[in-house]
Amino acid sequence: MIIYDLKCENNHIFEGWFNGKAAFEEQKKKGLVTCPLCGSLSIDIVPSSITVMGKGTRGLNKNDKDLSPVKALRIFNEYIDKTFEDVGSKFAEVALKIHLGEEDSRNIKGTTTKTEEDTLREEGIPFVKIPIPKFDS
């Protein structure tokens, strides 16, 4: 199974799981791949900084088979930095505006207080708390 980052014509980014690129293309052709946010059928695969290595993956170095936890965290951190807008301490405010349709839907990251987290939960706004480590070099 391969996880692809997908994007619709309205720039909504989401992921899809397929047996390979041919399976994605076939499902797209049949109109089975739609944007979960707007329903668009105009979907394309976009480059991802994280790739799920499958059975047919080529170009692996022997050293890549033993991915250290530190390297995995670095890759994850880079992915978050590249694909999420940092809104800092305004996370709850921006998340609420996105939820209410006052701002465009997008990936955001930032910080919240316990009270802000409680408010987001009460409003039914999904979010995930992920501690992101800072690396020395």
Protein backbone atom coordinates (compact mmCIF):
# COMPACT_ATOMS: atom_id res chain seq x y z
CA MET A 1 0.00 0.00 0.00
CA ILE A 2 1.30 3.46 -0.92
CA ILE A 3 0.12 6.70 0.65
CA TYR A 4 0.04 9.58 -1.84
CA ASP A 5 -0.37 13.25 -1.03
CA LEU A 6 -3.17 14.48 -3.26
CA LYS A 7 -4.38 17.96 -4.19
CA CYS A 8 -7.60 19.07 -5.84
CA GLU A 9 -8.10 22.01 -8.20
CA ASN A 10 -9.04 24.15 -5.17
CA ASN A 11 -5.64 23.47 -3.54
CA HIS A 12 -7.04 21.23 -0.79
CA ILE A 13 -4.32 18.75 0.21
CA PHE A 14 -5.22 15.31 1.54
CA GLU A 15 -3.88 11.78 1.37
CA GLY A 16 -5.04 8.64 -0.39
CA TRP A 17 -4.01 5.03 0.00
CA PHE A 18 -3.55 3.00 -3.18
CA ASN A 19 -1.87 -0.22 -4.31
CA GLY A 20 0.24 1.89 -6.67
CA LYS A 21 0.11 4.72 -9.17
CA ALA A 22 -1.80 2.61 -11.68
CA ALA A 23 -4.51 1.92 -9.07
CA PHE A 24 -4.75 5.68 -8.34
CA GLU A 25 -5.05 6.50 -12.06
CA GLU A 26 -7.72 3.83 -12.59
CA GLN A 27 -9.81 5.00 -9.62
CA LYS A 28 -9.39 8.63 -10.71
CA LYS A 29 -10.55 7.73 -14.23
CA LYS A 30 -13.68 6.07 -12.79
CA GLY A 31 -14.45 9.16 -10.68
CA LEU A 32 -13.80 7.34 -7.41
CA VAL A 33 -11.18 9.79 -6.12
CA THR A 34 -12.73 13.00 -4.82
CA CYS A 35 -11.63 15.79 -2.54
CA PRO A 36 -13.07 15.19 0.95
CA LEU A 37 -13.42 18.94 1.48
CA CYS A 38 -15.09 20.16 -1.72
CA GLY A 39 -15.96 17.02 -3.72
CA SER A 40 -13.80 18.00 -6.72
CA LEU A 41 -12.91 15.18 -9.11
CA SER A 42 -9.87 17.07 -10.47
CA ILE A 43 -7.20 15.41 -8.31
CA ASP A 44 -3.44 15.15 -8.80
CA ILE A 45 -0.59 13.52 -6.88
CA VAL A 46 1.72 16.12 -5.34
CA PRO A 47 5.29 15.60 -4.15
CA SER A 48 5.66 14.52 -0.56
CA SER A 49 8.69 14.78 1.67
CA ILE A 50 7.73 11.46 3.26
CA THR A 51 7.33 8.38 1.12
CA VAL A 52 6.05 5.04 2.30
CA MET A 53 8.53 2.47 1.11
CA GLY A 54 6.81 -0.51 -0.40
CA LYS A 55 7.75 -3.81 -1.95
CA GLY A 56 8.60 -2.29 -5.33
CA THR A 57 10.57 0.69 -4.04
CA ARG A 58 13.84 1.29 -5.85
CA GLY A 59 16.91 3.23 -4.92
CA LEU A 60 17.09 2.32 -1.25
CA ASN A 61 20.52 2.47 0.28
CA LYS A 62 21.38 -0.42 2.56
CA ASN A 63 21.70 2.09 5.40
CA ASP A 64 18.08 3.28 4.85
CA LYS A 65 16.71 -0.08 5.99
CA ASP A 66 17.73 0.73 9.57
CA LEU A 67 16.12 4.14 10.00
CA SER A 68 17.13 5.46 13.40
CA PRO A 69 14.51 7.08 15.63
CA VAL A 70 16.39 10.40 15.45
CA LYS A 71 16.42 10.32 11.63
CA ALA A 72 12.72 9.40 11.55
CA LEU A 73 11.94 12.34 13.86
CA ARG A 74 13.98 14.66 11.65
CA ILE A 75 12.08 13.53 8.55
CA PHE A 76 8.76 13.97 10.36
CA ASN A 77 9.79 17.42 11.62
CA GLU A 78 10.79 18.49 8.09
CA TYR A 79 7.43 17.29 6.74
CA ILE A 80 5.53 19.31 9.37
CA ASP A 81 7.66 22.41 8.65
CA LYS A 82 7.09 22.14 4.89
CA THR A 83 3.36 21.36 4.87
CA PHE A 84 1.92 23.26 7.85
CA GLU A 85 1.65 27.01 8.28
CA ASP A 86 2.99 28.14 11.66
CA VAL A 87 0.36 30.41 13.25
CA GLY A 88 2.12 30.41 16.64
CA SER A 89 -0.01 31.26 19.65
CA LYS A 90 -2.99 32.10 17.40
CA PHE A 91 -3.63 28.42 16.64
CA ALA A 92 -7.04 28.27 18.34
CA GLU A 93 -8.17 31.56 16.77
CA VAL A 94 -7.12 30.53 13.25
CA ALA A 95 -8.53 26.98 13.66
CA LEU A 96 -11.90 28.46 14.68
CA LYS A 97 -11.92 30.83 11.68
CA ILE A 98 -11.11 27.94 9.33
CA HIS A 99 -13.85 25.84 10.94
CA LEU A 100 -16.39 28.66 10.49
CA GLY A 101 -15.34 29.23 6.86
CA GLU A 102 -13.92 32.69 7.58
CA GLU A 103 -10.47 31.58 6.34
CA ASP A 104 -9.33 29.12 3.69
CA SER A 105 -8.89 25.53 4.82
CA ARG A 106 -5.23 24.63 5.25
CA ASN A 107 -2.80 22.74 7.46
CA ILE A 108 -1.77 24.84 10.45
CA LYS A 109 0.46 24.33 13.45
CA GLY A 110 0.98 26.33 16.60
CA THR A 111 0.47 26.39 20.32
CA THR A 112 -2.60 26.48 22.55
CA THR A 113 -3.48 26.83 26.18
CA LYS A 114 -5.51 24.18 27.99
CA THR A 115 -8.52 26.54 27.92
CA GLU A 116 -8.17 27.02 24.15
CA GLU A 117 -7.95 23.25 23.64
CA ASP A 118 -11.15 22.80 25.66
CA THR A 119 -12.89 25.43 23.51
CA LEU A 120 -11.76 23.73 20.28
CA ARG A 121 -13.12 20.39 21.54
CA GLU A 122 -16.45 22.00 22.54
CA GLU A 123 -16.75 23.52 19.06
CA GLY A 124 -16.08 20.10 17.47
CA ILE A 125 -12.86 21.25 15.82
CA PRO A 126 -10.49 18.31 15.27
CA PHE A 127 -6.84 18.83 16.16
CA VAL A 128 -3.89 16.71 17.20
CA LYS A 129 -1.25 17.60 19.76
CA ILE A 130 2.17 16.50 18.56
CA PRO A 131 5.28 17.39 20.52
CA ILE A 132 7.89 18.41 17.99
CA PRO A 133 11.48 18.04 19.22
CA LYS A 134 14.06 20.71 18.46
CA PHE A 135 17.36 19.38 17.10
CA ASP A 136 20.71 20.93 17.97
CA SER A 137 22.19 20.93 14.48
